[in-house]
Amino acid sequence: MKVIIYKNKSGGVSVIVPTGEVPLEQLPTRLGIAEYEIIESDTLPSDRVFRNAWVKTGSTVVEDLTKSKQLGHEMRREKRAAEFKPYDDLISKQIPGADTAAAETERAKIRVKYASMQVDIDAASTAAEIKTTLAGGDS
């Protein structure tokens, strides 16, 4: 199936999948898109994890490694925050009888784990390596 790709205002890639109501060749004009390419949909990256890191290079779409790393760090921070949450709640609420020292020990382990992930994401040479690093952080 053919699709239309173009560079959007944020510098990423937008993909238009035709519905058949309007001929494919007429869509860009109707939508006011001046620069675009019509490509086969199977040439798009199959993995959408870093979809917001896609860039258009001529008639191809690739994942930009720098943008993928930025997205990877955002995902890493979200995962870290989720792991911190139960310990943060315990410490901030100062629940009598709660072992806040144990909670702080667990928080220290989480910090080390995600600091290591940060180093691995920064060192990654492909988006696949970033995904593998993020998957390794699941607990």
N, C-alpha and C. Protein backbone atom coordinates (compact mmCIF):
# COMPACT_ATOMS: atom_id res chain seq x y z
N MET A 1 0.85 -1.16 0.00
CA MET A 1 0.00 0.00 0.00
C MET A 1 0.90 1.24 0.00
N LYS A 2 0.53 2.22 -0.74
CA LYS A 2 1.27 3.47 -0.81
C LYS A 2 0.75 4.45 0.24
N VAL A 3 1.69 5.22 0.81
CA VAL A 3 1.37 6.25 1.79
C VAL A 3 2.14 7.52 1.42
N ILE A 4 1.75 8.60 2.03
CA ILE A 4 2.42 9.88 1.81
C ILE A 4 3.20 10.22 3.07
N ILE A 5 4.46 10.60 2.90
CA ILE A 5 5.26 11.05 4.03
C ILE A 5 5.68 12.50 3.78
N TYR A 6 5.75 13.25 4.87
CA TYR A 6 6.25 14.62 4.76
C TYR A 6 6.80 15.06 6.11
N LYS A 7 7.69 16.05 6.07
CA LYS A 7 8.27 16.60 7.29
C LYS A 7 7.23 17.54 7.91
N ASN A 8 6.89 17.28 9.18
CA ASN A 8 5.89 18.12 9.83
C ASN A 8 6.54 19.33 10.51
N LYS A 9 5.74 20.19 11.08
CA LYS A 9 6.22 21.45 11.67
C LYS A 9 7.19 21.24 12.83
N SER A 10 7.07 20.13 13.52
CA SER A 10 7.97 19.87 14.65
C SER A 10 9.26 19.19 14.23
N GLY A 11 9.44 18.98 12.92
CA GLY A 11 10.66 18.37 12.41
C GLY A 11 10.59 16.87 12.29
N GLY A 12 9.50 16.27 12.73
CA GLY A 12 9.32 14.84 12.62
C GLY A 12 8.70 14.47 11.29
N VAL A 13 8.20 13.26 11.21
CA VAL A 13 7.60 12.76 9.99
C VAL A 13 6.12 12.47 10.22
N SER A 14 5.32 12.95 9.31
CA SER A 14 3.90 12.60 9.32
C SER A 14 3.65 11.63 8.18
N VAL A 15 2.74 10.70 8.42
CA VAL A 15 2.40 9.69 7.43
C VAL A 15 0.90 9.77 7.19
N ILE A 16 0.53 9.88 5.93
CA ILE A 16 -0.89 9.88 5.56
C ILE A 16 -1.20 8.56 4.90
N VAL A 17 -2.16 7.85 5.48
CA VAL A 17 -2.63 6.58 4.92
C VAL A 17 -3.94 6.87 4.21
N PRO A 18 -3.97 6.68 2.90
CA PRO A 18 -5.19 7.02 2.15
C PRO A 18 -6.35 6.08 2.49
N THR A 19 -7.56 6.65 2.45
CA THR A 19 -8.76 5.85 2.70
C THR A 19 -9.40 5.40 1.40
N GLY A 20 -8.98 6.02 0.30
CA GLY A 20 -9.56 5.69 -0.98
C GLY A 20 -10.66 6.65 -1.41
N GLU A 21 -11.07 7.52 -0.50
CA GLU A 21 -12.11 8.49 -0.84
C GLU A 21 -11.61 9.54 -1.82
N VAL A 22 -10.32 9.86 -1.70
CA VAL A 22 -9.69 10.84 -2.59
C VAL A 22 -8.48 10.15 -3.20
N PRO A 23 -8.24 10.33 -4.48
CA PRO A 23 -7.05 9.73 -5.09
C PRO A 23 -5.77 10.16 -4.34
N LEU A 24 -4.89 9.22 -4.14
CA LEU A 24 -3.65 9.44 -3.39
C LEU A 24 -2.90 10.68 -3.87
N GLU A 25 -2.79 10.83 -5.16
CA GLU A 25 -2.02 11.94 -5.73
C GLU A 25 -2.64 13.30 -5.44
N GLN A 26 -3.92 13.35 -5.12
CA GLN A 26 -4.60 14.62 -4.85
C GLN A 26 -4.54 15.03 -3.37
N LEU A 27 -4.25 14.08 -2.49
CA LEU A 27 -4.26 14.36 -1.06
C LEU A 27 -3.31 15.50 -0.65
N PRO A 28 -2.04 15.47 -1.05
CA PRO A 28 -1.14 16.55 -0.60
C PRO A 28 -1.66 17.95 -0.98
N THR A 29 -2.15 18.11 -2.19
CA THR A 29 -2.65 19.40 -2.63
C THR A 29 -3.85 19.82 -1.78
N ARG A 30 -4.76 18.90 -1.56
CA ARG A 30 -5.95 19.21 -0.76
C ARG A 30 -5.60 19.57 0.68
N LEU A 31 -4.50 18.98 1.17
CA LEU A 31 -4.08 19.24 2.56
C LEU A 31 -3.06 20.37 2.67
N GLY A 32 -2.67 20.92 1.55
CA GLY A 32 -1.73 22.03 1.56
C GLY A 32 -0.30 21.62 1.85
N ILE A 33 0.07 20.43 1.47
CA ILE A 33 1.42 19.92 1.71
C ILE A 33 2.23 20.09 0.42
N ALA A 34 3.28 20.89 0.50
CA ALA A 34 4.06 21.19 -0.71
C ALA A 34 5.14 20.13 -0.97
N GLU A 35 5.87 19.75 0.07
CA GLU A 35 6.97 18.80 -0.10
C GLU A 35 6.59 17.47 0.54
N TYR A 36 6.58 16.43 -0.25
CA TYR A 36 6.16 15.11 0.22
C TYR A 36 6.73 14.04 -0.69
N GLU A 37 6.60 12.82 -0.26
CA GLU A 37 6.98 11.66 -1.06
C GLU A 37 5.85 10.64 -0.95
N ILE A 38 5.63 9.90 -2.00
CA ILE A 38 4.71 8.76 -1.97
C ILE A 38 5.58 7.52 -1.97
N ILE A 39 5.41 6.71 -0.94
CA ILE A 39 6.25 5.52 -0.78
C ILE A 39 5.39 4.31 -0.45
N GLU A 40 6.01 3.14 -0.49
CA GLU A 40 5.34 1.92 -0.05
C GLU A 40 5.36 1.89 1.48
N SER A 41 4.25 1.56 2.08
CA SER A 41 4.15 1.58 3.55
C SER A 41 5.11 0.59 4.21
N ASP A 42 5.46 -0.49 3.52
CA ASP A 42 6.35 -1.47 4.13
C ASP A 42 7.80 -1.00 4.19
N THR A 43 8.09 0.19 3.65
CA THR A 43 9.44 0.74 3.79
C THR A 43 9.58 1.60 5.06
N LEU A 44 8.47 1.86 5.73
CA LEU A 44 8.51 2.60 7.00
C LEU A 44 9.09 1.69 8.08
N PRO A 45 9.75 2.26 9.09
CA PRO A 45 10.21 1.42 10.20
C PRO A 45 9.02 0.65 10.79
N SER A 46 9.22 -0.63 11.04
CA SER A 46 8.12 -1.46 11.53
C SER A 46 7.86 -1.26 13.02
N ASP A 47 8.88 -0.85 13.76
CA ASP A 47 8.74 -0.64 15.19
C ASP A 47 8.37 0.82 15.44
N ARG A 48 7.33 1.03 16.21
CA ARG A 48 6.83 2.39 16.44
C ARG A 48 7.23 2.96 17.81
N VAL A 49 8.09 2.26 18.55
CA VAL A 49 8.47 2.72 19.89
C VAL A 49 9.03 4.14 19.84
N PHE A 50 9.90 4.40 18.89
CA PHE A 50 10.50 5.71 18.76
C PHE A 50 9.94 6.45 17.55
N ARG A 51 8.67 6.35 17.34
CA ARG A 51 7.99 6.99 16.22
C ARG A 51 8.25 8.48 16.18
N ASN A 52 8.35 9.10 17.35
CA ASN A 52 8.60 10.54 17.41
C ASN A 52 10.05 10.90 17.10
N ALA A 53 10.88 9.91 16.84
CA ALA A 53 12.27 10.15 16.45
C ALA A 53 12.47 9.92 14.94
N TRP A 54 11.40 9.65 14.23
CA TRP A 54 11.53 9.45 12.79
C TRP A 54 11.89 10.75 12.09
N VAL A 55 12.74 10.64 11.09
CA VAL A 55 13.09 11.77 10.24
C VAL A 55 12.99 11.33 8.78
N LYS A 56 12.63 12.27 7.94
CA LYS A 56 12.50 12.01 6.50
C LYS A 56 13.82 12.37 5.83
N THR A 57 14.37 11.42 5.11
CA THR A 57 15.58 11.64 4.34
C THR A 57 15.26 11.26 2.91
N GLY A 58 14.94 12.24 2.09
CA GLY A 58 14.51 11.95 0.73
C GLY A 58 13.21 11.19 0.76
N SER A 59 13.23 10.00 0.19
CA SER A 59 12.01 9.20 0.17
C SER A 59 12.05 8.06 1.19
N THR A 60 12.91 8.20 2.19
CA THR A 60 12.98 7.18 3.24
C THR A 60 12.71 7.82 4.60
N VAL A 61 12.34 6.96 5.54
CA VAL A 61 12.11 7.37 6.92
C VAL A 61 13.02 6.52 7.79
N VAL A 62 13.78 7.18 8.65
CA VAL A 62 14.69 6.48 9.56
C VAL A 62 14.51 7.03 10.96
N GLU A 63 14.98 6.26 11.94
CA GLU A 63 14.97 6.73 13.32
C GLU A 63 16.24 7.53 13.57
N ASP A 64 16.09 8.74 14.05
CA ASP A 64 17.22 9.59 14.40
C ASP A 64 17.72 9.12 15.77
N LEU A 65 19.00 8.75 15.86
CA LEU A 65 19.54 8.18 17.08
C LEU A 65 19.51 9.19 18.25
N THR A 66 19.85 10.43 17.98
CA THR A 66 19.85 11.44 19.05
C THR A 66 18.44 11.62 19.61
N LYS A 67 17.46 11.72 18.73
CA LYS A 67 16.07 11.85 19.18
C LYS A 67 15.62 10.58 19.90
N SER A 68 16.04 9.42 19.42
CA SER A 68 15.68 8.15 20.08
C SER A 68 16.25 8.10 21.49
N LYS A 69 17.47 8.61 21.65
CA LYS A 69 18.07 8.64 22.99
C LYS A 69 17.28 9.57 23.92
N GLN A 70 16.87 10.72 23.40
CA GLN A 70 16.07 11.64 24.21
C GLN A 70 14.77 10.98 24.64
N LEU A 71 14.11 10.31 23.71
CA LEU A 71 12.87 9.60 24.06
C LEU A 71 13.14 8.47 25.03
N GLY A 72 14.25 7.78 24.84
CA GLY A 72 14.64 6.70 25.75
C GLY A 72 14.83 7.22 27.17
N HIS A 73 15.46 8.39 27.29
CA HIS A 73 15.65 8.98 28.63
C HIS A 73 14.31 9.38 29.25
N GLU A 74 13.40 9.89 28.45
CA GLU A 74 12.07 10.21 28.97
C GLU A 74 11.38 8.95 29.49
N MET A 75 11.47 7.87 28.72
CA MET A 75 10.86 6.60 29.14
C MET A 75 11.54 6.08 30.41
N ARG A 76 12.87 6.22 30.48
CA ARG A 76 13.63 5.77 31.65
C ARG A 76 13.18 6.55 32.89
N ARG A 77 13.02 7.86 32.76
CA ARG A 77 12.59 8.68 33.90
C ARG A 77 11.18 8.29 34.36
N GLU A 78 10.29 8.00 33.41
CA GLU A 78 8.92 7.58 33.77
C GLU A 78 8.95 6.26 34.53
N LYS A 79 9.75 5.31 34.06
CA LYS A 79 9.85 4.02 34.74
C LYS A 79 10.44 4.18 36.14
N ARG A 80 11.47 5.03 36.24
CA ARG A 80 12.10 5.26 37.54
C ARG A 80 11.10 5.88 38.52
N ALA A 81 10.34 6.86 38.05
CA ALA A 81 9.34 7.51 38.90
C ALA A 81 8.30 6.51 39.39
N ALA A 82 7.90 5.60 38.52
CA ALA A 82 6.91 4.59 38.90
C ALA A 82 7.48 3.66 39.98
N GLU A 83 8.76 3.33 39.87
CA GLU A 83 9.38 2.46 40.88
C GLU A 83 9.60 3.20 42.20
N PHE A 84 9.89 4.49 42.12
CA PHE A 84 10.08 5.30 43.32
C PHE A 84 8.79 5.52 44.10
N LYS A 85 7.68 5.60 43.41
CA LYS A 85 6.41 6.05 43.99
C LYS A 85 6.06 5.39 45.33
N PRO A 86 6.05 4.07 45.43
CA PRO A 86 5.63 3.50 46.73
C PRO A 86 6.58 3.88 47.88
N TYR A 87 7.87 4.02 47.57
CA TYR A 87 8.84 4.40 48.61
C TYR A 87 8.73 5.89 48.93
N ASP A 88 8.50 6.70 47.91
CA ASP A 88 8.30 8.13 48.13
C ASP A 88 7.10 8.36 49.03
N ASP A 89 6.01 7.65 48.75
CA ASP A 89 4.80 7.78 49.58
C ASP A 89 5.09 7.40 51.03
N LEU A 90 5.80 6.30 51.21
CA LEU A 90 6.10 5.82 52.55
C LEU A 90 6.95 6.84 53.31
N ILE A 91 7.95 7.39 52.65
CA ILE A 91 8.84 8.34 53.30
C ILE A 91 8.13 9.68 53.55
N SER A 92 7.41 10.17 52.55
CA SER A 92 6.80 11.49 52.69
C SER A 92 5.65 11.50 53.70
N LYS A 93 4.96 10.38 53.86
CA LYS A 93 3.82 10.34 54.78
C LYS A 93 4.25 10.04 56.22
N GLN A 94 5.51 9.62 56.39
CA GLN A 94 6.04 9.34 57.73
C GLN A 94 5.07 8.49 58.54
N ILE A 95 4.68 7.37 57.97
CA ILE A 95 3.73 6.47 58.62
C ILE A 95 4.39 5.83 59.84
N PRO A 96 3.77 5.96 61.02
CA PRO A 96 4.35 5.35 62.22
C PRO A 96 4.52 3.84 62.03
N GLY A 97 5.66 3.36 62.45
CA GLY A 97 5.93 1.93 62.36
C GLY A 97 6.46 1.51 60.99
N ALA A 98 6.46 2.40 60.03
CA ALA A 98 6.97 2.07 58.70
C ALA A 98 8.50 2.13 58.72
N ASP A 99 9.11 1.25 58.00
CA ASP A 99 10.56 1.18 57.96
C ASP A 99 11.08 2.10 56.85
N THR A 100 11.26 3.37 57.20
CA THR A 100 11.71 4.34 56.20
C THR A 100 13.16 4.09 55.80
N ALA A 101 13.95 3.50 56.68
CA ALA A 101 15.35 3.19 56.32
C ALA A 101 15.37 2.14 55.21
N ALA A 102 14.50 1.14 55.31
CA ALA A 102 14.42 0.12 54.26
C ALA A 102 13.93 0.73 52.95
N ALA A 103 13.00 1.66 53.07
CA ALA A 103 12.49 2.33 51.87
C ALA A 103 13.60 3.14 51.21
N GLU A 104 14.40 3.81 52.01
CA GLU A 104 15.51 4.59 51.45
C GLU A 104 16.55 3.68 50.82
N THR A 105 16.77 2.51 51.39
CA THR A 105 17.69 1.53 50.79
C THR A 105 17.20 1.09 49.42
N GLU A 106 15.90 0.85 49.31
CA GLU A 106 15.31 0.46 48.02
C GLU A 106 15.41 1.60 47.01
N ARG A 107 15.21 2.82 47.47
CA ARG A 107 15.34 3.99 46.58
C ARG A 107 16.77 4.10 46.06
N ALA A 108 17.76 3.81 46.89
CA ALA A 108 19.16 3.86 46.47
C ALA A 108 19.42 2.82 45.38
N LYS A 109 18.84 1.63 45.54
CA LYS A 109 19.00 0.58 44.52
C LYS A 109 18.40 1.03 43.18
N ILE A 110 17.24 1.68 43.27
CA ILE A 110 16.57 2.16 42.05
C ILE A 110 17.42 3.23 41.37
N ARG A 111 18.01 4.13 42.17
CA ARG A 111 18.86 5.18 41.60
C ARG A 111 20.05 4.57 40.85
N VAL A 112 20.68 3.57 41.44
CA VAL A 112 21.83 2.90 40.80
C VAL A 112 21.39 2.23 39.51
N LYS A 113 20.27 1.53 39.56
CA LYS A 113 19.75 0.82 38.38
C LYS A 113 19.52 1.79 37.22
N TYR A 114 18.87 2.90 37.50
CA TYR A 114 18.53 3.83 36.43
C TYR A 114 19.71 4.71 36.01
N ALA A 115 20.68 4.90 36.89
CA ALA A 115 21.91 5.60 36.49
C ALA A 115 22.66 4.74 35.48
N SER A 116 22.68 3.44 35.72
CA SER A 116 23.31 2.51 34.79
C SER A 116 22.59 2.51 33.44
N MET A 117 21.27 2.53 33.50
CA MET A 117 20.49 2.61 32.25
C MET A 117 20.82 3.88 31.48
N GLN A 118 20.98 4.99 32.21
CA GLN A 118 21.29 6.26 31.56
C GLN A 118 22.61 6.15 30.80
N VAL A 119 23.60 5.55 31.41
CA VAL A 119 24.90 5.37 30.76
C VAL A 119 24.75 4.48 29.51
N ASP A 120 23.98 3.41 29.64
CA ASP A 120 23.78 2.49 28.52
C ASP A 120 23.04 3.15 27.36
N ILE A 121 22.04 3.97 27.68
CA ILE A 121 21.31 4.68 26.62
C ILE A 121 22.25 5.65 25.91
N ASP A 122 23.04 6.39 26.68
CA ASP A 122 23.98 7.34 26.08
C ASP A 122 25.00 6.64 25.19
N ALA A 123 25.38 5.42 25.55
CA ALA A 123 26.39 4.68 24.79
C ALA A 123 25.80 3.91 23.60
N ALA A 124 24.49 3.82 23.52
CA ALA A 124 23.85 3.03 22.46
C ALA A 124 24.20 3.58 21.07
N SER A 125 24.39 2.65 20.14
CA SER A 125 24.69 3.06 18.76
C SER A 125 23.51 2.80 17.83
N THR A 126 22.45 2.20 18.37
CA THR A 126 21.23 1.97 17.59
C THR A 126 20.01 2.13 18.48
N ALA A 127 18.88 2.39 17.85
CA ALA A 127 17.62 2.47 18.60
C ALA A 127 17.29 1.12 19.23
N ALA A 128 17.66 0.04 18.57
CA ALA A 128 17.40 -1.31 19.11
C ALA A 128 18.12 -1.50 20.45
N GLU A 129 19.34 -0.97 20.57
CA GLU A 129 20.08 -1.08 21.83
C GLU A 129 19.37 -0.29 22.94
N ILE A 130 18.80 0.85 22.59
CA ILE A 130 18.07 1.64 23.57
C ILE A 130 16.85 0.85 24.05
N LYS A 131 16.12 0.24 23.12
CA LYS A 131 14.94 -0.55 23.49
C LYS A 131 15.32 -1.72 24.38
N THR A 132 16.44 -2.37 24.07
CA THR A 132 16.91 -3.49 24.89
C THR A 132 17.26 -3.01 26.30
N THR A 133 17.91 -1.88 26.38
CA THR A 133 18.26 -1.31 27.69
C THR A 133 17.01 -1.02 28.50
N LEU A 134 16.02 -0.40 27.87
CA LEU A 134 14.76 -0.08 28.56
C LEU A 134 14.03 -1.34 29.00
N ALA A 135 14.04 -2.36 28.17
CA ALA A 135 13.37 -3.62 28.50
C ALA A 135 14.06 -4.30 29.68
N GLY A 136 15.36 -4.12 29.80
CA GLY A 136 16.11 -4.71 30.91
C GLY A 136 15.79 -4.06 32.23
N GLY A 137 15.16 -2.89 32.20
CA GLY A 137 14.82 -2.18 33.43
C GLY A 137 13.50 -2.60 34.02
N ASP A 138 12.77 -3.49 33.33
CA ASP A 138 11.48 -3.93 33.87
C ASP A 138 11.73 -4.77 35.10
N SER A 139 10.94 -4.51 36.12
CA SER A 139 11.13 -5.29 37.34
C SER A 139 9.96 -6.18 37.59
